[in-house]
Protein backbone atom coordinates (compact mmCIF):
# COMPACT_ATOMS: atom_id res chain seq x y z
CA MET A 1 25.23 -0.09 -37.33
CA GLN A 2 22.28 -2.39 -36.83
CA GLN A 3 19.44 -1.98 -39.32
CA GLN A 4 16.81 -1.44 -36.61
CA ALA A 5 18.85 1.37 -35.04
CA ARG A 6 19.12 3.58 -38.13
CA LEU A 7 17.74 7.06 -37.68
CA SER A 8 16.24 9.44 -40.21
CA ARG A 9 18.72 11.96 -41.67
CA SER A 10 16.44 14.98 -41.81
CA LEU A 11 18.27 17.78 -39.95
CA GLY A 12 20.45 20.70 -41.05
CA VAL A 13 22.58 23.30 -39.25
CA LEU A 14 19.60 25.42 -38.23
CA ASP A 15 17.81 22.40 -36.77
CA GLY A 16 20.91 21.58 -34.73
CA VAL A 17 21.14 25.16 -33.47
CA VAL A 18 17.49 25.05 -32.45
CA ILE A 19 17.92 21.77 -30.57
CA ALA A 20 21.10 22.97 -28.82
CA ALA A 21 19.67 26.40 -27.98
CA SER A 22 16.45 24.85 -26.71
CA SER A 23 18.40 22.47 -24.52
CA ILE A 24 20.44 25.32 -23.04
CA ALA A 25 17.17 27.24 -22.52
CA ALA A 26 18.52 30.77 -22.15
CA THR A 27 15.22 32.24 -20.97
CA THR A 28 14.85 29.59 -18.26
CA SER A 29 18.49 29.94 -17.17
CA ILE A 30 18.21 33.71 -16.96
CA GLY A 31 14.72 33.72 -15.52
CA ILE A 32 15.27 31.28 -12.66
CA GLY A 33 19.04 30.83 -12.54
CA MET A 34 20.34 34.34 -12.00
CA GLY A 35 19.24 34.29 -8.38
CA VAL A 36 21.01 30.95 -7.83
CA LEU A 37 24.19 32.34 -9.39
CA ALA A 38 23.96 35.62 -7.46
CA ALA A 39 23.74 33.66 -4.19
CA SER A 40 27.26 32.34 -4.88
CA VAL A 41 29.06 35.23 -6.58
CA GLY A 42 27.06 38.35 -5.68
CA ARG A 43 27.23 41.06 -8.32
CA GLN A 44 29.86 39.22 -10.37
CA THR A 45 27.33 37.13 -12.33
CA PRO A 46 28.37 38.66 -15.71
CA ALA A 47 32.04 37.97 -14.94
CA ILE A 48 31.50 34.34 -13.97
CA LEU A 49 29.34 33.67 -17.04
CA LEU A 50 32.08 35.11 -19.24
CA ILE A 51 34.82 33.09 -17.51
CA ALA A 52 32.81 29.85 -17.83
CA PHE A 53 32.43 30.38 -21.57
CA PHE A 54 36.13 29.78 -22.29
CA PRO A 55 36.50 26.21 -20.96
CA ILE A 56 33.16 25.33 -22.55
CA VAL A 57 34.42 26.53 -25.94
CA GLY A 58 37.50 24.35 -25.40
CA ILE A 59 35.22 21.38 -24.75
CA ALA A 60 33.31 22.24 -27.93
CA VAL A 61 36.60 22.14 -29.86
CA ALA A 62 37.22 18.66 -28.46
CA TYR A 63 33.73 17.48 -29.44
CA SER A 64 34.20 18.86 -32.93
CA ARG A 65 37.52 17.04 -33.39
CA LEU A 66 36.15 13.75 -32.13
CA ASN A 67 32.95 14.02 -34.15
CA ARG A 68 34.93 14.46 -37.38
CA VAL A 69 36.51 11.04 -37.10
CA GLU A 70 33.71 9.21 -35.30
CA PRO A 71 30.23 10.75 -35.60
CA ASP A 72 27.98 8.88 -33.19
CA CYS A 73 24.79 9.84 -31.34
CA GLY A 74 26.44 8.52 -28.18
CA ASN A 75 29.32 11.05 -28.58
CA GLY A 76 31.10 11.24 -25.18
CA TYR A 77 30.06 7.73 -24.19
CA VAL A 78 31.51 6.24 -27.38
CA TRP A 79 34.60 8.45 -27.61
CA VAL A 80 35.66 8.09 -23.97
CA GLY A 81 34.94 4.36 -23.93
CA ARG A 82 37.01 3.57 -27.00
CA THR A 83 39.95 5.70 -25.90
CA MET A 84 40.01 5.65 -22.09
CA GLY A 85 38.33 2.32 -21.39
CA PRO A 86 34.74 1.03 -20.97
CA TRP A 87 34.27 2.08 -17.35
CA LEU A 88 35.12 5.73 -17.98
CA GLY A 89 33.05 5.54 -21.16
CA LEU A 90 30.14 4.28 -19.11
CA ILE A 91 30.49 7.24 -16.73
CA ALA A 92 30.67 9.66 -19.68
CA GLY A 93 27.41 8.23 -21.00
CA TRP A 94 25.60 7.71 -17.73
CA ILE A 95 26.15 11.21 -16.34
CA PRO A 96 24.34 13.10 -19.13
CA ILE A 97 21.49 10.59 -19.00
CA ALA A 98 21.03 10.81 -15.24
CA GLY A 99 21.79 14.53 -15.11
CA THR A 100 19.21 15.28 -17.79
CA VAL A 101 16.60 13.19 -15.98
CA VAL A 102 17.18 15.25 -12.82
CA PHE A 103 17.13 18.44 -14.88
CA MET A 104 13.85 17.51 -16.56
CA SER A 105 12.30 16.52 -13.23
CA TYR A 106 12.72 20.01 -11.78
CA THR A 107 12.05 21.71 -15.12
CA THR A 108 8.70 19.93 -15.08
CA ALA A 109 8.00 21.71 -11.81
CA VAL A 110 9.18 25.02 -13.33
CA VAL A 111 6.68 24.60 -16.17
CA GLY A 112 3.96 23.98 -13.60
CA SER A 113 5.05 27.00 -11.55
CA VAL A 114 4.88 29.30 -14.57
CA LEU A 115 1.45 28.00 -15.52
CA VAL A 116 0.22 28.57 -11.96
CA GLN A 117 1.61 32.11 -12.07
CA LEU A 118 -0.23 32.74 -15.35
CA VAL A 119 -3.48 31.44 -13.88
CA GLU A 120 -3.03 33.66 -10.84
CA LYS A 121 -2.45 36.65 -13.11
CA ALA A 122 -5.81 35.85 -14.69
CA GLY A 123 -7.41 36.28 -11.27
CA VAL A 124 -7.81 32.62 -10.30
CA HIS A 125 -6.23 31.87 -6.91
CA SER A 126 -7.76 28.48 -6.04
CA VAL A 127 -9.00 25.40 -7.90
CA LEU A 128 -11.50 23.00 -6.29
CA GLY A 129 -10.75 24.52 -2.90
CA TRP A 130 -6.98 24.18 -3.28
CA ALA A 131 -5.07 27.47 -2.94
CA LEU A 132 -2.64 27.96 -5.83
CA ASP A 133 1.03 28.35 -4.85
CA ALA A 134 3.64 28.94 -7.55
CA ASN A 135 6.43 27.99 -5.10
CA SER A 136 4.90 24.64 -4.06
CA THR A 137 7.04 21.83 -5.49
CA ALA A 138 4.21 19.26 -5.24
CA GLN A 139 1.55 21.41 -6.88
CA CYS A 140 3.80 22.65 -9.67
CA THR A 141 5.09 19.15 -10.41
CA ALA A 142 1.56 17.78 -10.84
CA VAL A 143 0.70 20.49 -13.37
CA GLY A 144 4.02 20.17 -15.19
CA LEU A 145 3.73 16.41 -15.69
CA VAL A 146 0.66 16.91 -17.89
CA VAL A 147 2.68 19.20 -20.16
CA PHE A 148 5.59 16.76 -20.13
CA ALA A 149 3.35 14.01 -21.52
CA VAL A 150 2.45 16.19 -24.52
CA VAL A 151 6.12 17.10 -25.08
CA THR A 152 7.05 13.41 -25.10
CA TRP A 153 4.50 12.70 -27.81
CA ILE A 154 6.00 15.45 -30.01
CA ALA A 155 9.53 14.05 -29.48
CA VAL A 156 8.37 10.53 -30.43
CA THR A 157 6.71 11.63 -33.68
CA GLY A 158 9.94 12.93 -35.16
CA THR A 159 13.07 14.96 -34.42
CA ALA A 160 12.48 17.24 -37.41
CA HIS A 161 8.96 17.98 -36.18
CA ALA A 162 10.32 18.71 -32.71
CA ALA A 163 12.99 21.05 -34.07
CA HIS A 164 10.40 22.82 -36.23
CA PHE A 165 8.13 23.26 -33.20
CA GLN A 166 11.02 24.53 -31.07
CA LYS A 167 12.10 27.04 -33.71
CA TYR A 168 8.94 29.09 -33.31
CA LEU A 169 9.13 28.87 -29.53
CA LEU A 170 12.68 30.23 -29.66
CA ILE A 171 11.75 33.12 -31.92
CA PHE A 172 9.07 34.30 -29.51
CA GLU A 173 11.29 33.76 -26.45
CA TYR A 174 14.22 35.70 -27.83
CA VAL A 175 12.15 38.62 -29.06
CA VAL A 176 10.62 39.00 -25.58
CA LEU A 177 13.92 38.36 -23.77
CA LEU A 178 15.89 40.81 -25.88
CA GLY A 179 13.16 43.43 -25.62
CA PHE A 180 12.85 43.31 -21.84
CA CYS A 181 16.57 42.92 -21.15
CA GLY A 182 17.29 45.88 -23.43
CA TRP A 183 14.61 47.83 -21.58
CA GLY A 184 16.12 46.93 -18.22
CA LEU A 185 19.61 47.76 -19.42
CA ALA A 186 18.50 51.23 -20.51
CA THR A 187 16.20 52.19 -17.63
CA GLY A 188 17.40 50.23 -14.58
CA HIS A 189 18.03 52.32 -11.46
CA GLN A 190 21.01 50.25 -10.21
CA SER A 191 24.21 51.92 -11.39
CA PHE A 192 26.38 49.79 -13.67
CA SER A 193 29.84 48.98 -12.31
CA PHE A 194 32.81 47.52 -14.16
CA SER A 195 33.41 45.42 -11.03
CA TRP A 196 30.55 43.26 -12.27
CA LEU A 197 33.00 42.03 -14.93
CA ASP A 198 35.80 41.34 -12.42
CA PRO A 199 35.88 37.66 -11.34
CA PHE A 200 38.50 38.47 -8.67
CA ALA A 201 35.89 40.51 -6.81
CA VAL A 202 34.05 37.35 -5.70
CA ASP A 203 34.21 37.12 -1.89
CA SER A 204 35.73 33.64 -1.59
CA PHE A 205 37.31 30.93 -3.71
CA ALA A 206 34.57 28.50 -2.63
CA GLY A 207 31.96 30.96 -3.88
CA PHE A 208 33.91 31.42 -7.12
CA ALA A 209 34.15 27.64 -7.67
CA GLN A 210 30.48 27.05 -6.92
CA GLY A 211 29.53 29.97 -9.16
CA LEU A 212 31.72 28.65 -11.96
CA ALA A 213 30.06 25.23 -11.76
CA ILE A 214 26.63 26.88 -11.90
CA ALA A 215 27.75 29.02 -14.86
CA VAL A 216 29.02 25.90 -16.66
CA PHE A 217 25.57 24.43 -15.98
CA PHE A 218 24.05 27.51 -17.69
CA TYR A 219 25.78 26.47 -20.94
CA TRP A 220 25.01 22.78 -20.49
CA GLY A 221 23.05 21.41 -23.42
CA TRP A 222 24.99 22.82 -26.39
CA ASP A 223 26.28 19.27 -27.01
CA SER A 224 22.72 18.18 -27.85
CA ALA A 225 23.68 19.14 -31.40
CA PHE A 226 26.14 16.22 -31.39
CA SER A 227 23.50 13.80 -30.10
CA VAL A 228 21.62 14.16 -33.40
CA THR A 229 24.75 13.89 -35.56
CA GLU A 230 23.39 10.65 -37.09
CA GLU A 231 20.22 12.51 -38.05
CA THR A 232 21.92 15.44 -39.82
CA HIS A 233 22.54 15.56 -43.56
CA ASP A 234 26.25 16.21 -42.85
CA SER A 235 27.77 15.13 -39.52
CA ARG A 236 29.98 18.25 -39.54
CA ASP A 237 26.83 20.31 -39.08
CA ALA A 238 26.77 19.19 -35.44
CA ALA A 239 29.91 21.21 -34.65
CA ARG A 240 28.65 24.24 -36.57
CA SER A 241 25.37 24.12 -34.68
CA GLY A 242 27.07 23.75 -31.32
CA PHE A 243 29.41 26.71 -31.83
CA ILE A 244 26.63 28.98 -33.13
CA ALA A 245 24.44 28.10 -30.14
CA LEU A 246 27.29 28.73 -27.67
CA VAL A 247 28.18 32.17 -29.02
CA THR A 248 24.50 33.13 -29.05
CA MET A 249 24.09 32.02 -25.45
CA LEU A 250 27.11 34.03 -24.33
CA GLY A 251 25.55 37.19 -25.70
CA LEU A 252 22.16 36.45 -24.14
CA PHE A 253 23.63 35.54 -20.75
CA LEU A 254 25.77 38.68 -20.54
CA LEU A 255 22.84 40.85 -21.61
CA GLY A 256 20.48 39.13 -19.17
CA SER A 257 22.84 39.23 -16.19
CA ILE A 258 23.67 42.92 -16.60
CA ALA A 259 20.03 43.82 -17.22
CA PHE A 260 18.90 41.95 -14.10
CA GLN A 261 21.51 43.74 -12.01
CA ARG A 262 20.51 47.11 -13.45
CA VAL A 263 16.93 46.49 -12.29
CA MET A 264 17.38 44.47 -9.06
CA ASP A 265 19.78 44.56 -6.15
CA ASN A 266 21.46 41.34 -5.05
CA GLY A 267 18.97 40.66 -2.27
CA GLU A 268 16.06 40.84 -4.69
CA MET A 269 17.77 38.51 -7.16
CA VAL A 270 18.47 35.88 -4.50
CA ASP A 271 15.08 36.12 -2.79
CA LYS A 272 12.91 35.88 -5.91
CA GLY A 273 14.56 32.72 -7.24
CA ALA A 274 12.23 30.86 -9.63
CA GLU A 275 10.02 33.96 -9.90
CA GLY A 276 12.93 36.26 -10.79
CA LEU A 277 11.87 36.95 -14.37
CA THR A 278 8.31 37.70 -13.29
CA TYR A 279 9.55 40.19 -10.70
CA PHE A 280 12.00 41.72 -13.19
CA ALA A 281 9.23 42.28 -15.75
CA ALA A 282 6.85 43.71 -13.15
CA LYS A 283 9.43 46.34 -12.18
CA LEU A 284 9.63 47.47 -15.80
CA ALA A 285 6.06 47.26 -17.06
CA GLY A 286 2.44 46.99 -16.02
CA GLU A 287 -0.06 44.37 -17.12
CA PRO A 288 -0.65 42.88 -19.60
CA LEU A 289 2.86 43.63 -20.96
CA ALA A 290 4.56 42.24 -17.84
CA THR A 291 3.03 38.84 -18.58
CA LEU A 292 4.99 38.40 -21.82
CA PRO A 293 8.28 37.35 -20.13
CA LEU A 294 6.33 34.82 -18.08
CA VAL A 295 4.90 33.31 -21.26
CA ALA A 296 8.41 33.28 -22.77
CA LEU A 297 9.70 31.49 -19.67
CA MET A 298 6.97 28.87 -19.96
CA LEU A 299 7.80 28.26 -23.63
CA SER A 300 11.52 28.07 -22.81
CA ALA A 301 10.92 25.50 -20.08
CA VAL A 302 8.65 23.43 -22.34
CA SER A 303 11.20 23.62 -25.14
CA SER A 304 14.03 22.55 -22.82
CA LEU A 305 12.01 19.52 -21.72
CA GLN A 306 11.70 18.43 -25.32
CA ALA A 307 15.35 19.21 -26.03
CA GLY A 308 16.31 17.17 -22.96
CA ILE A 309 14.40 14.08 -24.07
CA ILE A 310 15.89 14.02 -27.57
CA PRO A 311 19.64 13.68 -26.75
CA THR A 312 19.01 11.44 -23.75
CA ALA A 313 17.12 8.92 -25.88
CA ARG A 314 20.06 8.96 -28.33
CA PHE A 315 22.55 8.29 -25.54
CA THR A 316 20.55 5.29 -24.37
CA LEU A 317 20.24 4.12 -27.99
CA ALA A 318 24.04 4.17 -28.36
CA MET A 319 24.49 2.34 -25.05
CA GLY A 320 21.86 -0.22 -26.05
CA ARG A 321 23.61 -0.90 -29.36
CA ASN A 322 26.73 -1.88 -27.38
CA ARG A 323 24.65 -3.97 -24.93
CA THR A 324 25.65 -1.68 -22.05
CA LEU A 325 21.89 -1.19 -21.70
CA GLY A 326 19.12 -3.58 -22.73
CA THR A 327 17.84 -4.03 -26.27
CA VAL A 328 14.62 -2.15 -25.49
CA TRP A 329 16.62 1.08 -25.81
CA THR A 330 17.53 0.25 -29.43
CA ARG A 331 13.97 0.00 -30.66
CA VAL A 332 13.27 2.55 -33.39
CA HIS A 333 9.69 3.38 -34.28
CA PRO A 334 8.95 1.88 -37.75
CA ARG A 335 7.05 4.97 -38.90
CA TYR A 336 8.74 7.90 -37.15
CA ARG A 337 12.25 6.37 -37.09
CA THR A 338 12.95 7.73 -33.63
CA PRO A 339 13.99 5.80 -30.47
CA ALA A 340 10.39 5.88 -29.28
CA ALA A 341 10.61 3.17 -26.60
CA GLY A 342 13.60 4.84 -24.95
CA THR A 343 11.92 8.22 -25.11
CA VAL A 344 8.84 6.95 -23.29
CA ILE A 345 10.88 5.09 -20.66
CA ILE A 346 12.96 8.20 -19.95
CA THR A 347 9.77 10.20 -19.52
CA ALA A 348 8.44 7.63 -17.05
CA ILE A 349 11.66 7.66 -15.00
CA THR A 350 11.67 11.47 -15.00
CA ALA A 351 8.09 11.49 -13.76
CA VAL A 352 9.03 9.22 -10.84
CA ILE A 353 11.93 11.49 -9.85
CA ALA A 354 9.67 14.54 -10.21
CA VAL A 355 7.14 12.99 -7.84
CA LEU A 356 9.91 12.56 -5.24
CA MET A 357 11.03 16.19 -5.49
CA PRO A 358 8.42 17.52 -2.99
CA ALA A 359 10.77 16.14 -0.31
CA ILE A 360 12.15 19.68 -0.68
CA PRO A 361 8.88 21.65 -0.32
CA LYS A 362 9.99 25.02 -1.74
CA LEU A 363 10.63 25.05 -5.47
CA ASN A 364 13.46 27.59 -5.15
CA GLU A 365 15.38 25.26 -2.83
CA ALA A 366 14.66 22.18 -4.97
CA ILE A 367 16.11 23.95 -8.01
CA LEU A 368 19.19 25.04 -6.06
CA ALA A 369 19.81 21.48 -4.83
CA ALA A 370 19.47 20.04 -8.33
CA VAL A 371 21.70 22.66 -9.96
CA ASN A 372 24.48 22.23 -7.38
CA ALA A 373 24.42 18.45 -7.78
CA ILE A 374 24.28 18.46 -11.57
CA GLY A 375 27.04 21.09 -11.77
CA ILE A 376 29.61 18.63 -10.39
CA LEU A 377 28.49 15.92 -12.81
CA VAL A 378 28.52 18.20 -15.84
CA ALA A 379 32.07 19.30 -15.02
CA LEU A 380 33.09 15.64 -14.71
CA TYR A 381 31.71 14.36 -18.01
CA TYR A 382 32.72 17.40 -20.05
CA GLY A 383 36.19 17.12 -18.54
CA LEU A 384 36.40 13.42 -19.41
CA ALA A 385 35.41 14.01 -23.04
CA SER A 386 37.90 16.85 -23.44
CA VAL A 387 40.83 14.92 -21.94
CA THR A 388 39.85 12.00 -24.19
CA CYS A 389 40.32 14.25 -27.23
CA ALA A 390 43.83 15.17 -26.08
CA VAL A 391 44.72 11.50 -25.54
CA ARG A 392 43.22 10.28 -28.81
CA PHE A 393 44.94 12.94 -30.93
CA ARG A 394 48.24 12.99 -29.03
CA GLY A 395 50.02 11.80 -32.18
CA LEU A 396 49.35 15.21 -33.73
CA LEU A 397 51.87 16.77 -31.34
CA ARG A 398 54.49 15.76 -33.90
CA THR A 399 52.73 17.21 -36.95
CA GLY A 400 52.63 20.96 -36.33
CA ARG A 401 51.83 23.65 -33.77
CA ARG A 402 48.31 24.45 -34.99
CA ALA A 403 47.15 20.85 -34.95
CA ALA A 404 48.81 20.23 -31.59
CA VAL A 405 47.19 23.26 -29.94
CA GLY A 406 43.72 22.70 -31.40
CA ALA A 407 43.48 18.94 -30.94
CA VAL A 408 45.60 18.36 -27.84
CA GLY A 409 46.55 21.53 -25.94
CA VAL A 410 43.21 23.33 -25.70
CA PRO A 411 41.16 20.20 -24.89
CA ALA A 412 43.72 19.03 -22.31
CA VAL A 413 43.74 22.37 -20.45
CA CYS A 414 39.98 22.88 -20.53
CA GLY A 415 39.24 19.30 -19.53
CA THR A 416 41.70 19.47 -16.63
CA VAL A 417 40.15 22.73 -15.41
CA LEU A 418 36.67 21.22 -15.29
CA LEU A 419 37.84 17.99 -13.63
CA ALA A 420 39.69 20.03 -11.00
CA LEU A 421 36.59 22.17 -10.47
CA GLY A 422 34.42 19.13 -9.88
CA GLY A 423 36.98 17.62 -7.50
CA TYR A 424 37.31 20.84 -5.49
CA LEU A 425 33.55 21.19 -5.11
CA ALA A 426 33.20 17.57 -4.01
CA VAL A 427 35.76 18.16 -1.23
CA HIS A 428 34.10 21.47 -0.32
CA TYR A 429 30.63 19.94 0.00
CA ALA A 430 32.03 17.04 2.04
CA THR A 431 33.44 19.44 4.65
CA VAL A 432 30.88 22.26 4.75
CA SER A 433 28.27 20.44 6.90
CA ASP A 434 28.46 18.34 10.07
CA THR A 435 25.21 16.38 9.63
CA PHE A 436 23.06 15.11 6.77
CA GLU A 437 19.77 16.79 5.93
CA ILE A 438 17.58 16.88 2.83
CA ASP A 439 18.25 20.56 2.32
CA ALA A 440 19.71 22.60 -0.54
CA ALA A 441 22.21 24.22 1.84
CA ASN A 442 23.46 20.92 3.26
CA GLY A 443 26.83 19.94 1.80
CA TRP A 444 26.45 16.23 2.48
CA PHE A 445 23.10 16.15 0.70
CA THR A 446 24.50 18.12 -2.25
CA LEU A 447 27.38 15.64 -2.52
CA ALA A 448 25.19 12.58 -1.93
CA VAL A 449 23.05 13.20 -5.04
CA PRO A 450 25.90 12.97 -7.59
CA LEU A 451 27.50 10.11 -5.65
CA VAL A 452 24.28 8.09 -5.78
CA ILE A 453 24.00 8.79 -9.50
CA LEU A 454 27.57 7.57 -10.04
CA LEU A 455 27.01 4.44 -7.94
CA ILE A 456 23.89 3.56 -9.93
CA GLY A 457 25.93 4.04 -13.09
CA LEU A 458 28.60 1.66 -11.84
CA ALA A 459 25.89 -0.89 -11.02
CA VAL A 460 24.61 -0.56 -14.59
CA GLY A 461 28.18 -1.19 -15.77
CA ALA A 462 28.48 -4.29 -13.60
CA VAL A 463 25.30 -5.72 -15.12
CA ALA A 464 26.59 -4.90 -18.60
CA LYS A 465 29.90 -6.61 -18.00
CA TRP A 466 28.93 -9.75 -16.11
CA TYR A 467 25.33 -10.34 -17.19
CA ARG A 468 24.90 -8.89 -20.68
CA ARG A 469 28.54 -9.57 -21.58
CA ALA A 470 28.76 -6.23 -23.37
CA PRO A 471 31.56 -6.32 -25.98
CA ASP A 472 33.17 -3.08 -24.72
CA PHE A 473 33.96 -4.75 -21.39
CA HIS A 474 35.50 -7.85 -22.95
CA GLY A 475 38.25 -6.68 -25.27
CA HIS A 476 36.14 -5.86 -28.32
CA PRO A 477 38.45 -4.25 -30.95
CA THR A 478 38.21 -0.47 -31.14
CA PRO A 479 39.42 2.00 -33.79
CA ASP A 480 42.99 3.28 -33.75
CA PRO A 481 42.96 6.07 -31.16
CA VAL A 482 45.47 8.19 -33.09
CA PRO A 483 44.09 9.37 -36.46
CA THR A 484 46.23 10.47 -39.33
CA PRO A 485 46.71 14.25 -39.71
CA GLU A 486 44.60 14.27 -42.89
CA ARG A 487 41.58 12.87 -41.07
CA SER A 488 41.79 15.22 -38.13
CA LEU A 489 42.25 18.58 -39.87
């Protein structure tokens, strides 16, 4: 590793859990995502969240195996590239970078929307003659960008500081979330039905597939723990952190989905969208108590912005070290020992994308468009990493059943499921509309976003290969893809 790219080893298991949990952002997912999920699967949101958990755990097993033999902040990018070839490795690295930028661009607007809602609750409904609107993408983005600048500064000054800051945000969020979801579970007027846990009750396979992709997106971010593997005292802590975060999220998502459905009917969940948590709280409590979930949502969204910047800057650092990206991405701050230049550049790019988001005026629809597009990409890069694990450890098929199942069988099945899911949705979106419109419900638009992201990634690869002469694209020696049994167990 180059001297200038060394990072500070200052994190433990708890720090990794905090970073992963903050990146998943349970409060944000529940607060604004349940309506999006309900639009696809109706009252089967608990079932689809439970089903999605199993392939994600399989992917986590694959990450854990790969991280044992090759801990690297670039994780999927490095592992896929050295096993499956540089072009697939490029895709595995580019997708989380681009996907996180899109995610942060609309999360910036979510932060702004929550702040506007809080101001309105305080009795202020206009500022300098401008009427406040919590569902205006342009207005909410402008407010959110100010917060994003502060979050970037915290991320630059040190990962340990960021994790410490996020820890207290999480404690408050989870206390409020657990309290209100427990309240809703106990007092909701919608009768509980075991059909909510039946995935076969979804109306159509297309709805099931779209719901599954959205549910996978709910869990997206647990792998942030692996992006700071070079900053942990023990690289094995990354896997421990990831698994702890995943199991915690499963419990929170099931609790949140059932509680929402106990309090709201399906029409209410779909209609309220980004304001779902606010509406949920208002049906349970009066002011000022009903404001607490809104504050928790704001903290969750802010925390997820910070957790999004941290792994993305590590991905670009790893790609810069291999000359897939320029050397600017490898610059580590001499005092804070963080990839400060990359962090600031990512923030700037996110801000540009966020400014373009008002092309979809309503925030609810902008979020739906982003989630649908990112869902395909997340399925693709998780699937690639998991299949890579099966290929790299294929030699263990001869060493024993346990090693074969854990290192090859489970990753191969789970990776194939997610790749098939992404492929099915791509075909579905390509055939669901007859014309192109910038609209969340337009299939061509939904498909165009991930396709554009992939094409830009391929262009980046072309520059890396023929201009930067990146070693990965020109036969640079890579480690033996089949480890010995002792190293893998």
